């Protein structure tokens, strides 16, 4: 949070315009309000689940009640698989990545900086490199809230880090996916578009004057651990991820979305088109004593790290298989999930026409 606050205030002066992804962290909106900025919004589209994943990743769409999740009229574009197969998209209920085309569409002559969140909570990764290259042609800095991607770029099979893709300011929350205490984070600065002294000044504004030495020592320990054992831990993570997908790949009602769609290997997205996220979360919590990170319209998110165990993954496999059996049984009985979960709505319906100002 302090990283977002300091980055935004350092990159922009009061009353300047900022272009932000609408799915940004609340600290971004706090900075906009406190610094009296003029926000414009990048509206991410809902991520679609390509039907070709049915063949490539063994996700079975047979038996789904498609009337519950109809294909959206505005996104019936045919998508081409690299092997030549084509298919429509099934709704996911969560946001997809930001595209450079959307940035080009929303940018104005008054835009002073752009901020996006990548990866998202569900592990969707934007094309940071293309966005950064486009913005730098206009001398506009790019800030990336990469809080959930501290591990990016640390292993060959992981997505590229926003830093290596050219972002000017990048925020990492180490504790989310790496072995570090809660609250530990890093703010990275590079390039010539950001005034380092302004960054230091606003970090002093938003951070405590009483630093926690255990937290700082935890950061040092985390960096040393990644250097020493990162390759082993990340290989272990990939093996666990592959094991998880192999053992749940033939399920029909409740699936784990594969790496072909979820770029972040740490994000386990348990999805169902016939059940709500709240129903899945309740099953995990009450019947299997597993607490998900979050729940969405038709999915829940869990986080996998290189420090998880094969025994823990087997517990999750057993849980997902059991929940799938319950969902199949309830569907055969004609039961539907009625738990009050809020449906997916377009953000444009909730955007005020005027910008938010502090009271």
Protein backbone atom coordinates (compact mmCIF):
# COMPACT_ATOMS: atom_id res chain seq x y z
CA UNK A 1 0.00 0.00 0.00
CA UNK A 2 2.78 2.44 0.88
CA UNK A 3 4.49 1.56 -2.39
CA UNK A 4 1.39 2.43 -4.41
CA UNK A 5 0.84 5.66 -2.47
CA UNK A 6 4.45 6.80 -2.80
CA UNK A 7 4.71 5.80 -6.47
CA UNK A 8 1.63 7.71 -7.56
CA UNK A 9 2.46 10.83 -5.58
CA UNK A 10 6.06 10.78 -6.82
CA UNK A 11 5.13 10.29 -10.48
CA UNK A 12 2.46 13.00 -10.59
CA UNK A 13 1.80 16.48 -9.27
CA UNK A 14 -1.55 17.55 -7.86
CA UNK A 15 -4.43 17.92 -10.35
CA UNK A 16 -2.64 15.92 -13.04
CA UNK A 17 -4.39 13.13 -14.93
CA UNK A 18 -3.67 9.46 -14.22
CA UNK A 19 -4.87 6.48 -16.22
CA UNK A 20 -5.53 3.51 -13.93
CA UNK A 21 -6.92 0.03 -14.35
CA UNK A 22 -10.34 -0.08 -12.71
CA UNK A 23 -9.42 -3.28 -10.83
CA UNK A 24 -6.64 -1.49 -8.95
CA UNK A 25 -5.95 -1.88 -5.22
CA UNK A 26 -7.80 0.51 -2.92
CA UNK A 27 -4.53 2.23 -1.99
CA UNK A 28 -4.41 3.52 -5.58
CA UNK A 29 -7.74 5.28 -5.07
CA UNK A 30 -6.52 6.65 -1.74
CA UNK A 31 -3.56 8.22 -3.55
CA UNK A 32 -5.82 9.64 -6.26
CA UNK A 33 -8.04 11.26 -3.65
CA UNK A 34 -5.25 12.58 -1.43
CA UNK A 35 -3.22 13.95 -4.33
CA UNK A 36 -6.32 15.44 -6.00
CA UNK A 37 -5.61 13.67 -9.27
CA UNK A 38 -7.94 13.37 -12.23
CA UNK A 39 -8.49 9.65 -12.85
CA UNK A 40 -9.30 8.06 -16.16
CA UNK A 41 -10.03 4.34 -16.23
CA UNK A 42 -8.83 1.34 -18.13
CA UNK A 43 -11.71 -1.12 -18.08
CA UNK A 44 -10.45 -4.72 -18.26
CA UNK A 45 -12.73 -7.14 -20.03
CA UNK A 46 -14.01 -10.27 -18.39
CA UNK A 47 -11.63 -13.14 -19.07
CA UNK A 48 -13.10 -15.72 -21.41
CA UNK A 49 -12.43 -19.43 -21.09
CA UNK A 50 -11.63 -20.68 -24.63
CA UNK A 51 -13.40 -23.87 -25.54
CA UNK A 52 -10.19 -25.17 -27.15
CA UNK A 53 -8.94 -25.68 -23.60
CA UNK A 54 -11.34 -28.61 -23.55
CA UNK A 55 -8.96 -30.40 -25.92
CA UNK A 56 -5.60 -28.98 -24.85
CA UNK A 57 -5.98 -29.08 -21.06
CA UNK A 58 -8.60 -31.78 -20.70
CA UNK A 59 -11.15 -29.36 -19.27
CA UNK A 60 -14.46 -31.00 -20.04
CA UNK A 61 -17.39 -28.74 -20.80
CA UNK A 62 -19.75 -31.66 -21.26
CA UNK A 63 -22.78 -31.56 -19.08
CA UNK A 64 -22.51 -27.87 -18.26
CA UNK A 65 -25.71 -25.88 -18.15
CA UNK A 66 -24.69 -23.21 -20.65
CA UNK A 67 -27.86 -21.23 -19.90
CA UNK A 68 -26.28 -20.28 -16.56
CA UNK A 69 -23.25 -18.73 -18.24
CA UNK A 70 -24.24 -17.60 -21.74
CA UNK A 71 -21.71 -16.38 -24.24
CA UNK A 72 -21.59 -12.62 -24.01
CA UNK A 73 -22.89 -10.87 -27.11
CA UNK A 74 -20.04 -8.36 -27.08
CA UNK A 75 -17.37 -11.08 -26.90
CA UNK A 76 -18.46 -13.72 -29.39
CA UNK A 77 -15.28 -13.20 -31.38
CA UNK A 78 -13.83 -16.43 -32.67
CA UNK A 79 -10.40 -17.13 -31.25
CA UNK A 80 -7.80 -19.14 -33.09
CA UNK A 81 -5.76 -21.78 -31.33
CA UNK A 82 -2.13 -22.02 -32.41
CA UNK A 83 -2.86 -25.52 -33.73
CA UNK A 84 -5.64 -24.15 -35.91
CA UNK A 85 -8.68 -25.07 -33.84
CA UNK A 86 -11.24 -22.38 -33.17
CA UNK A 87 -13.96 -22.01 -30.60
CA UNK A 88 -16.07 -19.57 -28.65
CA UNK A 89 -15.48 -18.31 -25.15
CA UNK A 90 -17.24 -19.44 -22.00
CA UNK A 91 -17.66 -16.83 -19.27
CA UNK A 92 -15.23 -16.91 -16.36
CA UNK A 93 -16.61 -14.29 -13.98
CA UNK A 94 -13.26 -12.55 -13.41
CA UNK A 95 -11.22 -9.82 -15.07
CA UNK A 96 -8.73 -10.44 -17.82
CA UNK A 97 -5.46 -8.61 -18.56
CA UNK A 98 -5.05 -5.03 -19.76
CA UNK A 99 -4.12 -4.75 -23.44
CA UNK A 100 -2.00 -2.13 -25.15
CA UNK A 101 -4.97 -1.45 -27.44
CA UNK A 102 -7.05 -0.40 -24.43
CA UNK A 103 -4.25 1.89 -23.25
CA UNK A 104 -3.97 3.46 -26.71
CA UNK A 105 -7.72 4.01 -26.71
CA UNK A 106 -7.88 5.70 -23.29
CA UNK A 107 -4.67 7.74 -23.28
CA UNK A 108 -4.97 11.53 -23.71
CA UNK A 109 -2.55 14.41 -24.17
CA UNK A 110 -3.03 15.24 -20.48
CA UNK A 111 -2.20 11.78 -19.12
CA UNK A 112 0.74 12.05 -16.74
CA UNK A 113 1.18 8.38 -15.77
CA UNK A 114 -0.43 4.96 -16.14
CA UNK A 115 -0.91 2.30 -13.45
CA UNK A 116 -1.98 -1.29 -14.02
CA UNK A 117 -2.27 -4.38 -11.84
CA UNK A 118 -0.44 -7.42 -13.21
CA UNK A 119 -0.81 -10.18 -12.27
CA UNK A 120 -4.39 -10.01 -11.08
CA UNK A 121 -5.62 -11.99 -8.10
CA UNK A 122 -6.54 -14.79 -10.51
CA UNK A 123 -3.10 -14.78 -12.14
CA UNK A 124 -3.93 -12.95 -15.37
CA UNK A 125 -0.84 -11.18 -16.74
CA UNK A 126 -0.93 -8.08 -18.95
CA UNK A 127 1.51 -7.44 -21.80
CA UNK A 128 3.62 -5.03 -19.78
CA UNK A 129 6.38 -4.85 -22.38
CA UNK A 130 4.10 -3.61 -25.17
CA UNK A 131 2.36 -1.15 -22.86
CA UNK A 132 5.67 0.21 -21.56
CA UNK A 133 7.11 0.63 -25.07
CA UNK A 134 4.01 2.50 -26.22
CA UNK A 135 3.98 4.82 -23.21
CA UNK A 136 7.70 5.54 -23.33
CA UNK A 137 7.31 6.80 -26.90
CA UNK A 138 5.13 9.49 -25.33
CA UNK A 139 7.43 10.00 -22.32
CA UNK A 140 4.73 8.68 -19.96
CA UNK A 141 5.85 6.52 -17.01
CA UNK A 142 4.26 3.14 -16.32
CA UNK A 143 3.60 1.92 -12.78
CA UNK A 144 2.85 -1.77 -12.25
CA UNK A 145 1.31 -3.11 -9.07
CA UNK A 146 3.02 -6.51 -9.25
CA UNK A 147 2.22 -7.31 -5.63
CA UNK A 148 1.29 -10.90 -6.46
CA UNK A 149 4.21 -11.36 -8.86
CA UNK A 150 7.31 -11.03 -6.68
CA UNK A 151 8.41 -14.41 -8.05
CA UNK A 152 8.10 -13.37 -11.70
CA UNK A 153 11.34 -13.62 -13.63
CA UNK A 154 13.02 -15.77 -10.98
CA UNK A 155 12.58 -19.05 -12.88
CA UNK A 156 12.56 -19.80 -16.63
CA UNK A 157 8.94 -21.02 -16.72
CA UNK A 158 7.58 -18.01 -14.81
CA UNK A 159 6.23 -14.89 -16.55
CA UNK A 160 8.64 -12.01 -17.09
CA UNK A 161 8.95 -9.45 -14.33
CA UNK A 162 7.46 -6.03 -15.02
CA UNK A 163 10.94 -4.63 -14.37
CA UNK A 164 12.48 -6.62 -17.20
CA UNK A 165 9.56 -5.51 -19.39
CA UNK A 166 10.42 -1.84 -18.88
CA UNK A 167 8.00 -0.58 -16.22
CA UNK A 168 9.27 2.54 -14.43
CA UNK A 169 7.88 1.83 -10.96
CA UNK A 170 7.10 -1.70 -9.75
CA UNK A 171 5.66 -2.70 -6.38
CA UNK A 172 6.27 -6.20 -4.98
CA UNK A 173 4.60 -7.67 -1.90
CA UNK A 174 7.19 -10.28 -0.99
CA UNK A 175 5.01 -11.99 1.58
CA UNK A 176 2.36 -13.02 -0.94
CA UNK A 177 4.39 -15.64 -2.81
CA UNK A 178 7.88 -15.63 -1.28
CA UNK A 179 9.16 -16.59 2.21
CA UNK A 180 8.91 -13.22 3.94
CA UNK A 181 6.92 -11.75 6.84
CA UNK A 182 3.51 -10.20 6.25
CA UNK A 183 3.76 -6.46 5.40
CA UNK A 184 7.16 -6.80 3.71
CA UNK A 185 7.34 -5.22 0.26
CA UNK A 186 9.76 -3.69 -2.23
CA UNK A 187 9.46 -0.63 -4.47
CA UNK A 188 11.63 -0.69 -7.60
CA UNK A 189 12.50 2.35 -9.71
CA UNK A 190 14.23 2.45 -13.09
CA UNK A 191 14.52 4.71 -16.12
CA UNK A 192 14.71 8.48 -16.46
CA UNK A 193 11.01 9.35 -16.16
CA UNK A 194 10.82 9.13 -12.35
CA UNK A 195 12.43 11.57 -9.91
CA UNK A 196 14.13 9.40 -7.27
CA UNK A 197 14.16 12.18 -4.70
CA UNK A 198 10.37 12.54 -4.94
CA UNK A 199 10.06 8.78 -4.40
CA UNK A 200 12.23 9.00 -1.26
CA UNK A 201 10.26 11.98 0.00
CA UNK A 202 6.89 10.29 -0.33
CA UNK A 203 8.17 7.05 1.14
CA UNK A 204 9.10 9.09 4.21
CA UNK A 205 5.58 10.53 4.21
CA UNK A 206 3.75 7.20 4.07
CA UNK A 207 6.11 4.91 5.98
CA UNK A 208 6.61 4.73 9.72
CA UNK A 209 9.51 6.60 11.32
CA UNK A 210 9.95 3.56 13.57
CA UNK A 211 11.18 0.83 11.23
CA UNK A 212 10.70 -2.81 12.14
CA UNK A 213 14.05 -4.58 12.13
CA UNK A 214 12.44 -8.04 12.13
CA UNK A 215 10.57 -7.08 8.94
CA UNK A 216 13.70 -5.70 7.28
CA UNK A 217 15.68 -8.77 8.34
CA UNK A 218 12.90 -10.89 6.84
CA UNK A 219 13.38 -9.15 3.49
CA UNK A 220 17.13 -9.83 3.58
CA UNK A 221 16.49 -13.44 4.53
CA UNK A 222 14.00 -13.80 1.67
CA UNK A 223 16.49 -12.46 -0.88
CA UNK A 224 19.19 -14.81 0.41
CA UNK A 225 16.82 -17.77 0.32
CA UNK A 226 15.83 -17.06 -3.29
CA UNK A 227 19.49 -16.82 -4.32
CA UNK A 228 20.42 -19.99 -2.44
CA UNK A 229 17.45 -22.30 -2.96
CA UNK A 230 15.13 -20.49 -5.36
CA UNK A 231 15.77 -22.77 -8.34
CA UNK A 232 15.02 -25.88 -6.28
CA UNK A 233 11.90 -24.36 -4.68
CA UNK A 234 10.49 -23.07 -7.96
CA UNK A 235 11.09 -26.39 -9.71
CA UNK A 236 9.27 -28.03 -6.81
CA UNK A 237 6.41 -25.55 -7.28
CA UNK A 238 6.12 -26.44 -10.97
CA UNK A 239 6.06 -30.15 -10.15
CA UNK A 240 3.28 -29.61 -7.61
CA UNK A 241 1.33 -27.54 -10.12
CA UNK A 242 1.65 -30.21 -12.82
CA UNK A 243 0.65 -32.92 -10.34
CA UNK A 244 -2.42 -30.92 -9.36
CA UNK A 245 -3.56 -30.46 -12.95
CA UNK A 246 -2.87 -34.08 -13.88
CA UNK A 247 -4.98 -35.45 -11.04
CA UNK A 248 -7.93 -33.11 -11.60
CA UNK A 249 -7.88 -32.82 -15.40
CA UNK A 250 -10.79 -35.18 -16.06
CA UNK A 251 -13.36 -33.50 -13.79
CA UNK A 252 -16.55 -32.21 -15.40
CA UNK A 253 -18.28 -29.77 -13.02
CA UNK A 254 -15.44 -28.31 -10.94
CA UNK A 255 -12.05 -27.77 -12.60
CA UNK A 256 -8.70 -26.20 -11.89
CA UNK A 257 -7.97 -23.78 -14.72
CA UNK A 258 -4.70 -24.73 -16.46
CA UNK A 259 -1.52 -22.78 -17.11
CA UNK A 260 -2.63 -22.19 -20.69
CA UNK A 261 -5.04 -19.66 -19.22
CA UNK A 262 -3.63 -18.78 -15.78
CA UNK A 263 -0.09 -17.56 -16.47
CA UNK A 264 0.91 -17.28 -12.80
CA UNK A 265 1.86 -20.77 -11.54
CA UNK A 266 1.18 -19.71 -7.94
CA UNK A 267 -2.51 -19.07 -8.58
CA UNK A 268 -4.86 -22.05 -8.32
CA UNK A 269 -8.24 -21.05 -9.74
CA UNK A 270 -10.96 -23.60 -8.98
CA UNK A 271 -13.77 -22.88 -11.44
CA UNK A 272 -17.29 -24.16 -12.01
CA UNK A 273 -19.88 -22.94 -14.48
CA UNK A 274 -22.70 -24.63 -12.59
CA UNK A 275 -21.80 -23.58 -9.02
CA UNK A 276 -20.93 -20.27 -7.41
CA UNK A 277 -17.62 -19.37 -5.87
CA UNK A 278 -19.25 -19.12 -2.48
CA UNK A 279 -20.57 -22.67 -2.77
CA UNK A 280 -17.09 -23.95 -3.68
CA UNK A 281 -15.52 -21.99 -0.81
CA UNK A 282 -18.06 -23.35 1.68
CA UNK A 283 -17.33 -26.90 0.54
CA UNK A 284 -13.57 -26.38 0.91
CA UNK A 285 -13.93 -24.71 4.28
CA UNK A 286 -16.48 -26.90 6.02
CA UNK A 287 -15.89 -30.33 4.50
CA UNK A 288 -12.14 -30.27 3.82
CA UNK A 289 -10.80 -27.61 6.23
CA UNK A 290 -9.13 -25.64 3.44
CA UNK A 291 -9.43 -21.85 3.43
CA UNK A 292 -9.30 -20.20 -0.02
CA UNK A 293 -7.70 -16.81 -0.57
CA UNK A 294 -10.81 -15.37 -2.18
CA UNK A 295 -14.07 -16.29 -3.87
CA UNK A 296 -15.61 -14.88 -7.04
CA UNK A 297 -18.76 -15.39 -9.01
CA UNK A 298 -17.93 -18.92 -10.17
CA UNK A 299 -14.45 -19.52 -8.79
CA UNK A 300 -12.18 -19.48 -5.79
CA UNK A 301 -8.46 -18.69 -5.66
CA UNK A 302 -5.79 -20.51 -3.67
CA UNK A 303 -2.07 -19.72 -3.62
CA UNK A 304 0.64 -22.32 -4.25
CA UNK A 305 4.27 -21.77 -3.27
CA UNK A 306 7.52 -23.68 -3.49
CA UNK A 307 7.20 -24.47 0.20
CA UNK A 308 3.98 -26.44 -0.12
CA UNK A 309 4.17 -30.22 0.15
CA UNK A 310 2.97 -33.15 -1.91
CA UNK A 311 0.76 -34.13 1.03
CA UNK A 312 -0.87 -30.71 0.98
CA UNK A 313 -1.48 -30.91 -2.76
CA UNK A 314 -3.04 -34.35 -2.34
CA UNK A 315 -5.43 -32.86 0.23
CA UNK A 316 -6.48 -30.27 -2.33
CA UNK A 317 -6.81 -32.91 -5.05
CA UNK A 318 -9.06 -34.98 -2.80
CA UNK A 319 -11.10 -31.89 -1.99
CA UNK A 320 -11.61 -30.82 -5.61
CA UNK A 321 -12.49 -34.37 -6.65
CA UNK A 322 -14.97 -34.65 -3.79
CA UNK A 323 -16.53 -31.28 -4.55
CA UNK A 324 -16.86 -32.26 -8.19
CA UNK A 325 -18.69 -35.45 -7.18
CA UNK A 326 -21.05 -33.41 -5.02
CA UNK A 327 -21.70 -30.97 -7.87
CA UNK A 328 -22.40 -33.83 -10.29
CA UNK A 329 -24.76 -35.47 -7.80
CA UNK A 330 -26.64 -32.22 -7.14
CA UNK A 331 -26.92 -31.54 -10.85
CA UNK A 332 -28.42 -34.98 -11.42
CA UNK A 333 -30.96 -34.16 -8.73
CA UNK A 334 -31.71 -30.86 -10.43
CA UNK A 335 -30.42 -28.72 -7.58
CA UNK A 336 -28.92 -25.30 -8.21
CA UNK A 337 -26.53 -23.25 -6.12
CA UNK A 338 -28.51 -20.60 -4.22
CA UNK A 339 -26.16 -18.92 -1.81
CA UNK A 340 -26.55 -15.24 -2.55
CA UNK A 341 -23.26 -14.85 -4.40
CA UNK A 342 -23.15 -11.59 -6.29
CA UNK A 343 -23.13 -11.91 -10.05
CA UNK A 344 -20.53 -10.49 -12.39
CA UNK A 345 -21.42 -6.97 -13.50
CA UNK A 346 -19.84 -4.63 -15.98
CA UNK A 347 -17.77 -1.93 -14.30
CA UNK A 348 -19.13 0.77 -16.57
CA UNK A 349 -22.48 0.53 -14.78
CA UNK A 350 -20.86 1.65 -11.53
CA UNK A 351 -18.47 4.36 -12.70
CA UNK A 352 -19.49 7.88 -11.64
CA UNK A 353 -19.43 10.52 -14.34
CA UNK A 354 -17.39 12.84 -12.14
CA UNK A 355 -14.10 12.11 -10.46
CA UNK A 356 -13.89 11.35 -6.76
CA UNK A 357 -12.58 14.18 -4.61
CA UNK A 358 -11.71 14.10 -0.91
CA UNK A 359 -14.45 15.49 1.27
